[in-house]
Amino acid sequence: LVPVGDEKALGNAILRVLNEGKLRKRLAQQGRKRARDFALKKKVREYEEVLDRKL
């Protein structure tokens, strides 16, 4: 993450990701994992569990 409004820091962060293969790969893997946390089926299941506990 970079400070809000700091265009130079943002540019440097983007270049770092582009230039560092291991970092890029790790960030991509973590992004896919995070996206799965929000998958529709998972959210429906969590919602159903909440309803089951409340009913």
PDB file of N, CA and C in Angstrom:
ATOM      1  N   LEU A   1       0.838  -1.179   0.000  1.00  0.00           N
ATOM      2  CA  LEU A   1       0.000   0.000   0.000  1.00  0.00           C
ATOM      3  C   LEU A   1       0.878   1.236   0.000  1.00  0.00           C
ATOM      4  N   VAL A   2       0.301   2.287  -0.532  1.00  0.00           N
ATOM      5  CA  VAL A   2       1.026   3.555  -0.601  1.00  0.00           C
ATOM      6  C   VAL A   2       0.151   4.658  -0.022  1.00  0.00           C
ATOM      7  N   PRO A   3       0.768   5.747   0.401  1.00  0.00           N
ATOM      8  CA  PRO A   3      -0.022   6.858   0.936  1.00  0.00           C
ATOM      9  C   PRO A   3      -0.979   7.427  -0.114  1.00  0.00           C
ATOM     10  N   VAL A   4      -2.161   7.797   0.313  1.00  0.00           N
ATOM     11  CA  VAL A   4      -3.151   8.386  -0.583  1.00  0.00           C
ATOM     12  C   VAL A   4      -2.581   9.662  -1.194  1.00  0.00           C
ATOM     13  N   GLY A   5      -2.727   9.787  -2.504  1.00  0.00           N
ATOM     14  CA  GLY A   5      -2.290  10.992  -3.195  1.00  0.00           C
ATOM     15  C   GLY A   5      -0.810  11.029  -3.546  1.00  0.00           C
ATOM     16  N   ASP A   6      -0.069  10.007  -3.187  1.00  0.00           N
ATOM     17  CA  ASP A   6       1.373   9.979  -3.470  1.00  0.00           C
ATOM     18  C   ASP A   6       1.608   9.232  -4.779  1.00  0.00           C
ATOM     19  N   GLU A   7       1.523   9.977  -5.889  1.00  0.00           N
ATOM     20  CA  GLU A   7       1.650   9.369  -7.208  1.00  0.00           C
ATOM     21  C   GLU A   7       3.015   8.722  -7.415  1.00  0.00           C
ATOM     22  N   LYS A   8       4.053   9.345  -6.882  1.00  0.00           N
ATOM     23  CA  LYS A   8       5.400   8.795  -7.038  1.00  0.00           C
ATOM     24  C   LYS A   8       5.511   7.441  -6.335  1.00  0.00           C
ATOM     25  N   ALA A   9       4.985   7.349  -5.122  1.00  0.00           N
ATOM     26  CA  ALA A   9       5.024   6.084  -4.384  1.00  0.00           C
ATOM     27  C   ALA A   9       4.215   5.019  -5.117  1.00  0.00           C
ATOM     28  N   LEU A  10       3.079   5.414  -5.687  1.00  0.00           N
ATOM     29  CA  LEU A  10       2.262   4.463  -6.444  1.00  0.00           C
ATOM     30  C   LEU A  10       3.029   3.956  -7.656  1.00  0.00           C
ATOM     31  N   GLY A  11       3.652   4.868  -8.386  1.00  0.00           N
ATOM     32  CA  GLY A  11       4.452   4.471  -9.543  1.00  0.00           C
ATOM     33  C   GLY A  11       5.573   3.530  -9.161  1.00  0.00           C
ATOM     34  N   ASN A  12       6.256   3.844  -8.065  1.00  0.00           N
ATOM     35  CA  ASN A  12       7.344   2.976  -7.597  1.00  0.00           C
ATOM     36  C   ASN A  12       6.825   1.600  -7.196  1.00  0.00           C
ATOM     37  N   ALA A  13       5.669   1.554  -6.560  1.00  0.00           N
ATOM     38  CA  ALA A  13       5.086   0.271  -6.150  1.00  0.00           C
ATOM     39  C   ALA A  13       4.712  -0.561  -7.373  1.00  0.00           C
ATOM     40  N   ILE A  14       4.146   0.085  -8.381  1.00  0.00           N
ATOM     41  CA  ILE A  14       3.783  -0.624  -9.616  1.00  0.00           C
ATOM     42  C   ILE A  14       5.034  -1.174 -10.287  1.00  0.00           C
ATOM     43  N   LEU A  15       6.067  -0.356 -10.391  1.00  0.00           N
ATOM     44  CA  LEU A  15       7.320  -0.821 -10.998  1.00  0.00           C
ATOM     45  C   LEU A  15       7.917  -1.980 -10.220  1.00  0.00           C
ATOM     46  N   ARG A  16       7.834  -1.926  -8.917  1.00  0.00           N
ATOM     47  CA  ARG A  16       8.371  -3.014  -8.087  1.00  0.00           C
ATOM     48  C   ARG A  16       7.651  -4.323  -8.394  1.00  0.00           C
ATOM     49  N   VAL A  17       6.325  -4.269  -8.483  1.00  0.00           N
ATOM     50  CA  VAL A  17       5.558  -5.482  -8.789  1.00  0.00           C
ATOM     51  C   VAL A  17       5.910  -5.989 -10.185  1.00  0.00           C
ATOM     52  N   LEU A  18       6.048  -5.081 -11.139  1.00  0.00           N
ATOM     53  CA  LEU A  18       6.387  -5.482 -12.504  1.00  0.00           C
ATOM     54  C   LEU A  18       7.779  -6.095 -12.590  1.00  0.00           C
ATOM     55  N   ASN A  19       8.704  -5.591 -11.802  1.00  0.00           N
ATOM     56  CA  ASN A  19      10.100  -6.019 -11.897  1.00  0.00           C
ATOM     57  C   ASN A  19      10.463  -7.200 -11.006  1.00  0.00           C
ATOM     58  N   GLU A  20       9.674  -7.466  -9.985  1.00  0.00           N
ATOM     59  CA  GLU A  20      10.005  -8.542  -9.044  1.00  0.00           C
ATOM     60  C   GLU A  20       9.042  -9.710  -9.231  1.00  0.00           C
ATOM     61  N   GLY A  21       9.517 -10.713  -9.958  1.00  0.00           N
ATOM     62  CA  GLY A  21       8.684 -11.857 -10.290  1.00  0.00           C
ATOM     63  C   GLY A  21       8.130 -12.596  -9.084  1.00  0.00           C
ATOM     64  N   LYS A  22       8.953 -12.796  -8.070  1.00  0.00           N
ATOM     65  CA  LYS A  22       8.484 -13.521  -6.882  1.00  0.00           C
ATOM     66  C   LYS A  22       7.385 -12.742  -6.173  1.00  0.00           C
ATOM     67  N   LEU A  23       7.564 -11.435  -6.065  1.00  0.00           N
ATOM     68  CA  LEU A  23       6.544 -10.591  -5.432  1.00  0.00           C
ATOM     69  C   LEU A  23       5.256 -10.632  -6.242  1.00  0.00           C
ATOM     70  N   ARG A  24       5.387 -10.499  -7.566  1.00  0.00           N
ATOM     71  CA  ARG A  24       4.218 -10.526  -8.444  1.00  0.00           C
ATOM     72  C   ARG A  24       3.455 -11.844  -8.293  1.00  0.00           C
ATOM     73  N   LYS A  25       4.178 -12.947  -8.268  1.00  0.00           N
ATOM     74  CA  LYS A  25       3.546 -14.259  -8.144  1.00  0.00           C
ATOM     75  C   LYS A  25       2.833 -14.396  -6.800  1.00  0.00           C
ATOM     76  N   ARG A  26       3.494 -13.952  -5.727  1.00  0.00           N
ATOM     77  CA  ARG A  26       2.899 -14.045  -4.390  1.00  0.00           C
ATOM     78  C   ARG A  26       1.635 -13.194  -4.300  1.00  0.00           C
ATOM     79  N   LEU A  27       1.691 -11.980  -4.822  1.00  0.00           N
ATOM     80  CA  LEU A  27       0.518 -11.105  -4.788  1.00  0.00           C
ATOM     81  C   LEU A  27      -0.634 -11.694  -5.602  1.00  0.00           C
ATOM     82  N   ALA A  28      -0.316 -12.296  -6.740  1.00  0.00           N
ATOM     83  CA  ALA A  28      -1.354 -12.910  -7.567  1.00  0.00           C
ATOM     84  C   ALA A  28      -2.008 -14.076  -6.830  1.00  0.00           C
ATOM     85  N   GLN A  29      -1.195 -14.908  -6.188  1.00  0.00           N
ATOM     86  CA  GLN A  29      -1.739 -16.044  -5.438  1.00  0.00           C
ATOM     87  C   GLN A  29      -2.620 -15.566  -4.290  1.00  0.00           C
ATOM     88  N   GLN A  30      -2.151 -14.561  -3.576  1.00  0.00           N
ATOM     89  CA  GLN A  30      -2.934 -14.037  -2.458  1.00  0.00           C
ATOM     90  C   GLN A  30      -4.229 -13.392  -2.949  1.00  0.00           C
ATOM     91  N   GLY A  31      -4.175 -12.747  -4.107  1.00  0.00           N
ATOM     92  CA  GLY A  31      -5.373 -12.135  -4.669  1.00  0.00           C
ATOM     93  C   GLY A  31      -6.418 -13.173  -5.037  1.00  0.00           C
ATOM     94  N   ARG A  32      -5.971 -14.272  -5.643  1.00  0.00           N
ATOM     95  CA  ARG A  32      -6.915 -15.348  -5.982  1.00  0.00           C
ATOM     96  C   ARG A  32      -7.522 -15.954  -4.722  1.00  0.00           C
ATOM     97  N   LYS A  33      -6.697 -16.146  -3.695  1.00  0.00           N
ATOM     98  CA  LYS A  33      -7.207 -16.696  -2.436  1.00  0.00           C
ATOM     99  C   LYS A  33      -8.236 -15.747  -1.822  1.00  0.00           C
ATOM    100  N   ARG A  34      -7.936 -14.475  -1.824  1.00  0.00           N
ATOM    101  CA  ARG A  34      -8.856 -13.478  -1.259  1.00  0.00           C
ATOM    102  C   ARG A  34     -10.166 -13.454  -2.043  1.00  0.00           C
ATOM    103  N   ALA A  35     -10.078 -13.570  -3.353  1.00  0.00           N
ATOM    104  CA  ALA A  35     -11.284 -13.575  -4.187  1.00  0.00           C
ATOM    105  C   ALA A  35     -12.161 -14.774  -3.856  1.00  0.00           C
ATOM    106  N   ARG A  36     -11.538 -15.921  -3.581  1.00  0.00           N
ATOM    107  CA  ARG A  36     -12.323 -17.107  -3.224  1.00  0.00           C
ATOM    108  C   ARG A  36     -13.093 -16.887  -1.929  1.00  0.00           C
ATOM    109  N   ASP A  37     -12.550 -16.063  -1.041  1.00  0.00           N
ATOM    110  CA  ASP A  37     -13.239 -15.767   0.214  1.00  0.00           C
ATOM    111  C   ASP A  37     -14.579 -15.085  -0.032  1.00  0.00           C
ATOM    112  N   PHE A  38     -14.738 -14.473  -1.185  1.00  0.00           N
ATOM    113  CA  PHE A  38     -15.960 -13.747  -1.495  1.00  0.00           C
ATOM    114  C   PHE A  38     -16.814 -14.464  -2.541  1.00  0.00           C
ATOM    115  N   ALA A  39     -16.475 -15.697  -2.835  1.00  0.00           N
ATOM    116  CA  ALA A  39     -17.229 -16.458  -3.825  1.00  0.00           C
ATOM    117  C   ALA A  39     -18.689 -16.567  -3.389  1.00  0.00           C
ATOM    118  N   LEU A  40     -19.578 -16.513  -4.359  1.00  0.00           N
ATOM    119  CA  LEU A  40     -21.015 -16.516  -4.084  1.00  0.00           C
ATOM    120  C   LEU A  40     -21.440 -17.727  -3.256  1.00  0.00           C
ATOM    121  N   LYS A  41     -20.990 -18.905  -3.629  1.00  0.00           N
ATOM    122  CA  LYS A  41     -21.405 -20.102  -2.897  1.00  0.00           C
ATOM    123  C   LYS A  41     -20.981 -20.028  -1.432  1.00  0.00           C
ATOM    124  N   LYS A  42     -19.795 -19.523  -1.191  1.00  0.00           N
ATOM    125  CA  LYS A  42     -19.318 -19.421   0.191  1.00  0.00           C
ATOM    126  C   LYS A  42     -20.171 -18.429   0.970  1.00  0.00           C
ATOM    127  N   LYS A  43     -20.493 -17.313   0.372  1.00  0.00           N
ATOM    128  CA  LYS A  43     -21.303 -16.306   1.063  1.00  0.00           C
ATOM    129  C   LYS A  43     -22.710 -16.835   1.334  1.00  0.00           C
ATOM    130  N   VAL A  44     -23.280 -17.574   0.398  1.00  0.00           N
ATOM    131  CA  VAL A  44     -24.606 -18.161   0.609  1.00  0.00           C
ATOM    132  C   VAL A  44     -24.552 -19.135   1.779  1.00  0.00           C
ATOM    133  N   ARG A  45     -23.520 -19.965   1.819  1.00  0.00           N
ATOM    134  CA  ARG A  45     -23.364 -20.939   2.904  1.00  0.00           C
ATOM    135  C   ARG A  45     -23.222 -20.221   4.253  1.00  0.00           C
ATOM    136  N   GLU A  46     -22.430 -19.155   4.296  1.00  0.00           N
ATOM    137  CA  GLU A  46     -22.276 -18.403   5.544  1.00  0.00           C
ATOM    138  C   GLU A  46     -23.603 -17.781   5.972  1.00  0.00           C
ATOM    139  N   TYR A  47     -24.353 -17.263   5.024  1.00  0.00           N
ATOM    140  CA  TYR A  47     -25.653 -16.660   5.310  1.00  0.00           C
ATOM    141  C   TYR A  47     -26.609 -17.715   5.867  1.00  0.00           C
ATOM    142  N   GLU A  48     -26.605 -18.896   5.255  1.00  0.00           N
ATOM    143  CA  GLU A  48     -27.463 -19.982   5.729  1.00  0.00           C
ATOM    144  C   GLU A  48     -27.085 -20.390   7.151  1.00  0.00           C
ATOM    145  N   GLU A  49     -25.797 -20.419   7.453  1.00  0.00           N
ATOM    146  CA  GLU A  49     -25.356 -20.779   8.801  1.00  0.00           C
ATOM    147  C   GLU A  49     -25.844 -19.761   9.826  1.00  0.00           C
ATOM    148  N   VAL A  50     -25.806 -18.507   9.474  1.00  0.00           N
ATOM    149  CA  VAL A  50     -26.306 -17.461  10.375  1.00  0.00           C
ATOM    150  C   VAL A  50     -27.794 -17.655  10.605  1.00  0.00           C
ATOM    151  N   LEU A  51     -28.532 -17.902   9.536  1.00  0.00           N
ATOM    152  CA  LEU A  51     -29.977 -18.111   9.667  1.00  0.00           C
ATOM    153  C   LEU A  51     -30.286 -19.336  10.520  1.00  0.00           C
ATOM    154  N   ASP A  52     -29.531 -20.412  10.311  1.00  0.00           N
ATOM    155  CA  ASP A  52     -29.750 -21.629  11.098  1.00  0.00           C
ATOM    156  C   ASP A  52     -29.536 -21.370  12.589  1.00  0.00           C
ATOM    157  N   ARG A  53     -28.556 -20.569  12.922  1.00  0.00           N
ATOM    158  CA  ARG A  53     -28.285 -20.271  14.334  1.00  0.00           C
ATOM    159  C   ARG A  53     -29.370 -19.385  14.934  1.00  0.00           C
ATOM    160  N   LYS A  54     -29.965 -18.534  14.133  1.00  0.00           N
ATOM    161  CA  LYS A  54     -30.953 -17.578  14.633  1.00  0.00           C
ATOM    162  C   LYS A  54     -32.364 -18.154  14.678  1.00  0.00           C
ATOM    163  N   LEU A  55     -32.614 -19.199  13.921  1.00  0.00           N
ATOM    164  CA  LEU A  55     -33.977 -19.751  13.866  1.00  0.00           C
ATOM    165  C   LEU A  55     -34.182 -20.884  14.827  1.00  0.00           C
TER     166      LEU A  55
END
